[in-house]
Amino acid sequence: MEAKARTHRQALETKLILSGNIPLDKSWIIRMGVLDLINGSDSTLRRLGAINPKELPDDLRALARASHDWLAGGPVHVGESGTLYRFLQFVSWKYKLGKTFVKEGTLREREICNNPDIVNWPIEKLGALDEGTSQWKSAAAIAGSLERQSNPEPKLQLTYEAIRHWEERKREGNAWLVRYDDTLIRQAVSFIQFIQTGKMEFEPLHAEDYCFARAFELITREEGQRRWKQLSEHESDRLEEMEDELKNFREGRRIMSRDHRVVQAIAMLAWAQGKKAEIAHPQCVSKSWPQFWGFMAQVSEFSKQNTFKEQAR
């Protein structure tokens, strides 16, 4: 039964990707892009430039602009991406490049370490910065540190995989390979499984899973705070924002959040409950999932399919 369920999920994952419902993995491609820039390559800039901008998450459009700025030698615009900013800032500090950075949106207001001396810190000490985000540890690895953490958290493990992949492809004379957003694939598949069977099978693995897991009562606020202190340091304080917007949803009020993950989670919860959620800022989903509303428009069709229904019997 478990093997059959995995086959169902894998088939649906492939269908979602081929139908254009899942965006490119911004976490993976940002890592590829920064490795390209460190090595003076414009490969990422050219590859992203060949894609319809409407299909790119905001953070990948920011990567394209930052890559252009970096190579051109001017101020580097990093958009609203904390990941991109930390990675490039660390590289600039480490190699004494003197780059200046232009932040946008909520990134301007977030408290982010501004100490160049951290380029000399061990990985354990880096992990204590900015509410425990792993991004500074990833930045150090991307910038050339050979220190590796045993049992790394998922995003740091992704960084180690990205470095190995980039180096192997370079040795072979090949360009790096794209990935699709695994976080959103897992959430989309679990959501479709839920609307077909009434059973939610989803394990929150990292902070980007919190809003979805909280909406479907797979995690408590307290557990989220214990596992991921950095939840308060995103586009919103997601611990507070989710509670506020869940209350607004339950009481039939407008959803005012501008946080993409909060809005996506509330919209999926509303559909699952057969309710309507009025979203004040629907365009915010473009930060990570520009295809989101197109995906939601097809949910009725997915609900009629039998992908998981036999499994539920």
Protein backbone atom coordinates (compact mmCIF):
# COMPACT_ATOMS: atom_id res chain seq x y z
CA MET A 1 0.00 0.00 0.00
CA GLU A 2 2.81 2.42 0.85
CA ALA A 3 4.55 1.68 -2.46
CA LYS A 4 1.29 2.31 -4.32
CA ALA A 5 0.79 5.60 -2.49
CA ARG A 6 4.32 6.72 -3.42
CA THR A 7 3.61 5.85 -7.04
CA HIS A 8 0.41 7.93 -6.95
CA ARG A 9 2.27 10.88 -5.46
CA GLN A 10 5.13 10.67 -7.93
CA ALA A 11 2.75 10.52 -10.87
CA LEU A 12 0.87 13.57 -9.61
CA GLU A 13 4.14 15.46 -9.00
CA THR A 14 5.14 14.85 -12.61
CA LYS A 15 1.72 15.92 -13.86
CA LEU A 16 1.83 19.16 -11.86
CA ILE A 17 5.28 20.02 -13.18
CA LEU A 18 4.48 19.20 -16.81
CA SER A 19 1.25 21.20 -16.65
CA GLY A 20 3.20 24.29 -15.54
CA ASN A 21 1.65 24.49 -12.07
CA ILE A 22 4.91 24.32 -10.11
CA PRO A 23 7.60 27.03 -10.23
CA LEU A 24 11.33 26.55 -10.44
CA ASP A 25 13.05 25.97 -7.12
CA LYS A 26 14.25 29.42 -6.13
CA SER A 27 16.35 28.08 -3.25
CA TRP A 28 18.27 25.76 -5.56
CA ILE A 29 18.70 28.28 -8.38
CA ILE A 30 19.81 31.10 -6.06
CA ARG A 31 22.59 28.79 -4.88
CA MET A 32 23.53 28.01 -8.49
CA GLY A 33 23.42 31.71 -9.35
CA VAL A 34 25.71 32.80 -6.54
CA LEU A 35 28.21 30.04 -7.38
CA ASP A 36 28.17 31.29 -10.98
CA LEU A 37 28.84 34.86 -9.86
CA ILE A 38 31.71 33.84 -7.59
CA ASN A 39 33.28 32.26 -10.65
CA GLY A 40 32.60 35.24 -12.91
CA SER A 41 29.98 33.46 -14.99
CA ASP A 42 26.86 35.03 -16.47
CA SER A 43 25.27 31.61 -17.03
CA THR A 44 22.42 32.16 -14.56
CA LEU A 45 21.64 35.58 -15.98
CA ARG A 46 21.41 34.18 -19.51
CA ARG A 47 19.34 31.16 -18.48
CA LEU A 48 16.82 33.15 -16.46
CA GLY A 49 16.64 35.70 -19.26
CA ALA A 50 15.35 32.99 -21.59
CA ILE A 51 12.32 32.30 -19.35
CA ASN A 52 9.06 34.26 -19.40
CA PRO A 53 9.34 36.62 -16.40
CA LYS A 54 5.72 35.86 -15.47
CA GLU A 55 6.74 32.26 -14.78
CA LEU A 56 9.57 33.23 -12.44
CA PRO A 57 9.11 33.69 -8.70
CA ASP A 58 9.98 37.23 -7.59
CA ASP A 59 13.16 36.00 -5.90
CA LEU A 60 14.45 34.56 -9.19
CA ARG A 61 13.72 37.81 -10.98
CA ALA A 62 15.69 39.47 -8.19
CA LEU A 63 18.51 36.98 -8.81
CA ALA A 64 18.56 37.89 -12.51
CA ARG A 65 18.80 41.60 -11.73
CA ALA A 66 21.36 41.06 -8.98
CA SER A 67 23.48 38.96 -11.35
CA HIS A 68 23.43 41.78 -13.92
CA ASP A 69 24.30 44.38 -11.27
CA TRP A 70 27.07 42.25 -9.78
CA LEU A 71 28.77 41.65 -13.10
CA ALA A 72 28.30 45.28 -14.18
CA GLY A 73 29.90 46.58 -10.98
CA GLY A 74 27.06 48.81 -9.79
CA PRO A 75 24.85 48.66 -6.70
CA VAL A 76 23.33 45.19 -6.41
CA HIS A 77 19.53 45.07 -6.21
CA VAL A 78 18.47 41.97 -4.24
CA GLY A 79 14.73 42.60 -4.14
CA GLU A 80 13.02 41.19 -1.07
CA SER A 81 15.12 38.03 -0.88
CA GLY A 82 16.88 37.56 2.45
CA THR A 83 18.61 34.46 1.07
CA LEU A 84 20.08 36.29 -1.91
CA TYR A 85 21.15 39.24 0.22
CA ARG A 86 22.91 37.16 2.86
CA PHE A 87 24.70 35.00 0.29
CA LEU A 88 25.99 37.92 -1.77
CA GLN A 89 26.83 40.06 1.25
CA PHE A 90 28.88 37.25 2.75
CA VAL A 91 30.78 36.77 -0.53
CA SER A 92 31.41 40.50 -0.78
CA TRP A 93 32.76 40.62 2.79
CA LYS A 94 34.89 37.53 2.43
CA TYR A 95 36.57 38.59 -0.80
CA LYS A 96 36.63 42.29 0.14
CA LEU A 97 34.68 43.30 -2.95
CA GLY A 98 33.03 46.33 -1.37
CA LYS A 99 29.66 45.68 -2.98
CA THR A 100 26.69 47.84 -1.99
CA PHE A 101 23.21 46.33 -1.85
CA VAL A 102 19.74 47.73 -2.49
CA LYS A 103 16.92 46.03 -0.58
CA GLU A 104 13.22 46.25 -1.33
CA GLY A 105 9.95 45.70 0.51
CA THR A 106 10.01 44.11 3.94
CA LEU A 107 13.69 43.22 3.57
CA ARG A 108 14.52 46.86 4.31
CA GLU A 109 12.86 46.53 7.71
CA ARG A 110 14.23 43.16 8.80
CA GLU A 111 17.03 43.00 11.32
CA ILE A 112 19.91 41.24 9.57
CA CYS A 113 23.46 40.86 10.82
CA ASN A 114 25.76 43.56 9.44
CA ASN A 115 29.08 42.40 10.87
CA PRO A 116 31.78 41.63 8.25
CA ASP A 117 33.79 39.72 10.85
CA ILE A 118 31.40 36.77 10.61
CA VAL A 119 33.32 35.53 7.56
CA ASN A 120 35.87 34.21 10.07
CA TRP A 121 33.36 32.55 12.38
CA PRO A 122 32.89 28.77 12.71
CA ILE A 123 29.67 27.30 11.39
CA GLU A 124 28.18 26.74 14.85
CA LYS A 125 28.51 30.44 15.69
CA LEU A 126 27.00 31.47 12.36
CA GLY A 127 23.95 29.37 13.20
CA ALA A 128 23.13 31.63 16.13
CA LEU A 129 22.67 34.72 13.94
CA ASP A 130 19.32 36.20 12.89
CA GLU A 131 17.08 33.96 14.98
CA GLY A 132 18.89 30.81 13.92
CA THR A 133 18.49 30.94 10.15
CA SER A 134 20.79 28.55 8.30
CA GLN A 135 21.40 31.09 5.55
CA TRP A 136 24.69 32.42 6.96
CA LYS A 137 25.99 28.87 7.26
CA SER A 138 24.98 28.23 3.67
CA ALA A 139 26.62 31.48 2.62
CA ALA A 140 29.91 30.39 4.20
CA ALA A 141 29.83 27.05 2.38
CA ILE A 142 29.02 28.69 -0.95
CA ALA A 143 31.82 31.20 -0.40
CA GLY A 144 34.33 28.38 -0.05
CA SER A 145 34.34 27.19 3.57
CA LEU A 146 35.15 23.49 3.79
CA GLU A 147 33.66 23.12 7.25
CA ARG A 148 30.60 20.88 7.15
CA GLN A 149 27.91 20.35 9.76
CA SER A 150 26.89 16.79 10.56
CA ASN A 151 23.12 16.22 10.36
CA PRO A 152 22.46 19.59 8.70
CA GLU A 153 19.00 21.10 8.57
CA PRO A 154 17.20 20.71 5.20
CA LYS A 155 18.23 24.06 3.69
CA LEU A 156 21.88 23.58 4.65
CA GLN A 157 21.77 20.06 3.23
CA LEU A 158 20.39 21.60 0.03
CA THR A 159 23.41 23.92 -0.05
CA TYR A 160 25.84 21.00 0.24
CA GLU A 161 23.99 19.19 -2.57
CA ALA A 162 24.03 22.35 -4.70
CA ILE A 163 27.78 22.82 -4.30
CA ARG A 164 28.49 19.20 -5.23
CA HIS A 165 26.17 19.41 -8.21
CA TRP A 166 27.62 22.69 -9.48
CA GLU A 167 31.20 21.43 -9.15
CA GLU A 168 30.45 18.08 -10.80
CA ARG A 169 28.68 19.71 -13.73
CA LYS A 170 31.53 22.17 -14.17
CA ARG A 171 34.11 19.37 -14.24
CA GLU A 172 32.05 17.63 -16.91
CA GLY A 173 31.78 20.83 -18.93
CA ASN A 174 28.00 20.97 -18.49
CA ALA A 175 25.60 23.59 -17.16
CA TRP A 176 23.87 22.94 -13.86
CA LEU A 177 20.40 21.39 -13.94
CA VAL A 178 17.25 23.14 -12.79
CA ARG A 179 14.96 21.83 -10.10
CA TYR A 180 11.32 22.50 -9.38
CA ASP A 181 10.20 23.72 -5.98
CA ASP A 182 10.03 20.59 -3.83
CA THR A 183 8.38 22.44 -0.93
CA LEU A 184 5.48 23.56 -3.11
CA ILE A 185 5.25 20.17 -4.84
CA ARG A 186 4.85 18.43 -1.47
CA GLN A 187 2.23 20.93 -0.33
CA ALA A 188 0.29 20.80 -3.61
CA VAL A 189 0.24 17.00 -3.71
CA SER A 190 -0.80 16.72 -0.06
CA PHE A 191 -3.54 19.29 -0.64
CA ILE A 192 -4.91 17.37 -3.64
CA GLN A 193 -4.74 14.13 -1.67
CA PHE A 194 -6.69 15.79 1.13
CA ILE A 195 -9.49 17.07 -1.10
CA GLN A 196 -9.81 13.64 -2.73
CA THR A 197 -9.71 11.54 0.42
CA GLY A 198 -10.27 13.82 3.41
CA LYS A 199 -6.93 12.68 4.81
CA MET A 200 -3.94 14.99 5.10
CA GLU A 201 -0.54 13.29 4.91
CA PHE A 202 2.12 15.95 5.23
CA GLU A 203 5.20 16.31 7.39
CA PRO A 204 6.49 19.87 7.92
CA LEU A 205 10.24 19.65 7.31
CA HIS A 206 11.37 23.26 7.55
CA ALA A 207 10.16 26.79 8.22
CA GLU A 208 8.70 27.21 4.73
CA ASP A 209 6.22 24.43 5.56
CA TYR A 210 4.92 26.13 8.68
CA CYS A 211 2.04 28.19 7.25
CA PHE A 212 0.58 25.29 5.28
CA ALA A 213 0.97 22.90 8.23
CA ARG A 214 -0.54 25.41 10.66
CA ALA A 215 -3.55 26.07 8.42
CA PHE A 216 -4.39 22.35 8.35
CA GLU A 217 -3.68 21.91 12.09
CA LEU A 218 -0.67 19.67 11.58
CA ILE A 219 1.44 21.80 13.89
CA THR A 220 0.79 24.19 16.75
CA ARG A 221 2.07 27.72 17.04
CA GLU A 222 4.17 26.65 20.01
CA GLU A 223 5.82 23.81 18.11
CA GLY A 224 6.56 26.11 15.19
CA GLN A 225 8.19 28.62 17.49
CA ARG A 226 10.24 25.89 19.15
CA ARG A 227 11.43 24.37 15.87
CA TRP A 228 11.98 27.51 13.79
CA LYS A 229 12.77 30.69 15.68
CA GLN A 230 13.40 32.43 12.34
CA LEU A 231 9.65 32.35 11.56
CA SER A 232 9.45 35.83 13.05
CA GLU A 233 12.02 37.13 10.56
CA HIS A 234 10.34 36.56 7.19
CA GLU A 235 8.03 38.82 5.16
CA SER A 236 5.98 38.89 8.34
CA ASP A 237 6.20 37.40 11.80
CA ARG A 238 4.59 34.21 10.53
CA LEU A 239 3.79 32.94 13.99
CA GLU A 240 1.63 36.01 14.68
CA GLU A 241 0.45 36.52 11.11
CA MET A 242 -0.96 33.01 10.76
CA GLU A 243 -2.92 33.28 14.02
CA ASP A 244 -4.32 36.68 13.04
CA GLU A 245 -5.33 35.56 9.55
CA LEU A 246 -6.76 32.22 10.70
CA LYS A 247 -8.96 34.19 13.08
CA ASN A 248 -9.94 36.57 10.27
CA PHE A 249 -10.81 33.61 8.08
CA ARG A 250 -12.89 31.88 10.74
CA GLU A 251 -14.80 35.10 11.40
CA GLY A 252 -15.35 35.90 7.73
CA ARG A 253 -13.11 38.94 7.58
CA ARG A 254 -10.80 39.97 4.76
CA ILE A 255 -7.32 38.45 4.66
CA MET A 256 -4.94 41.41 4.79
CA SER A 257 -1.56 39.64 4.83
CA ARG A 258 1.07 40.46 2.21
CA ASP A 259 3.05 37.32 3.09
CA HIS A 260 2.94 34.86 0.19
CA ARG A 261 3.05 31.72 2.32
CA VAL A 262 0.31 32.94 4.64
CA VAL A 263 -1.98 33.81 1.73
CA GLN A 264 -1.34 30.50 -0.06
CA ALA A 265 -2.12 28.52 3.09
CA ILE A 266 -5.34 30.39 3.86
CA ALA A 267 -6.53 30.11 0.25
CA MET A 268 -6.03 26.33 0.24
CA LEU A 269 -7.73 25.98 3.62
CA ALA A 270 -10.71 27.99 2.37
CA TRP A 271 -11.09 25.78 -0.72
CA ALA A 272 -10.84 22.62 1.36
CA GLN A 273 -13.61 23.86 3.65
CA GLY A 274 -15.82 25.01 0.79
CA LYS A 275 -15.60 28.62 1.90
CA LYS A 276 -14.54 31.85 0.25
CA ALA A 277 -11.63 33.88 1.55
CA GLU A 278 -11.40 37.47 0.39
CA ILE A 279 -7.70 38.14 -0.22
CA ALA A 280 -6.63 41.79 -0.14
CA HIS A 281 -3.24 41.21 -1.78
CA PRO A 282 -3.49 38.18 -4.07
CA GLN A 283 -0.47 39.25 -6.11
CA CYS A 284 1.91 38.61 -3.18
CA VAL A 285 2.02 34.89 -4.09
CA SER A 286 4.32 35.79 -7.00
CA LYS A 287 7.25 35.83 -4.59
CA SER A 288 7.42 32.04 -4.53
CA TRP A 289 4.51 30.63 -6.60
CA PRO A 290 3.43 32.86 -9.51
CA GLN A 291 1.34 29.98 -10.88
CA PHE A 292 -0.60 29.62 -7.60
CA TRP A 293 -3.95 31.06 -8.69
CA GLY A 294 -3.78 29.06 -11.91
CA PHE A 295 -3.21 25.95 -9.82
CA MET A 296 -6.15 26.81 -7.57
CA ALA A 297 -8.37 27.31 -10.63
CA GLN A 298 -7.70 23.68 -11.57
CA VAL A 299 -8.34 22.22 -8.12
CA SER A 300 -11.94 21.37 -9.00
CA GLU A 301 -10.67 19.13 -11.78
CA PHE A 302 -8.14 17.51 -9.49
CA SER A 303 -10.88 16.87 -6.91
CA LYS A 304 -12.82 14.79 -9.47
CA GLN A 305 -9.89 12.56 -10.30
CA ASN A 306 -9.19 9.23 -8.61
CA THR A 307 -5.48 9.62 -7.95
CA PHE A 308 -5.77 8.74 -4.26
CA LYS A 309 -9.37 7.59 -3.87
CA GLU A 310 -8.62 3.87 -4.10
CA GLN A 311 -6.01 4.32 -1.39
CA ALA A 312 -8.61 5.84 0.93
CA ARG A 313 -10.99 2.85 0.72
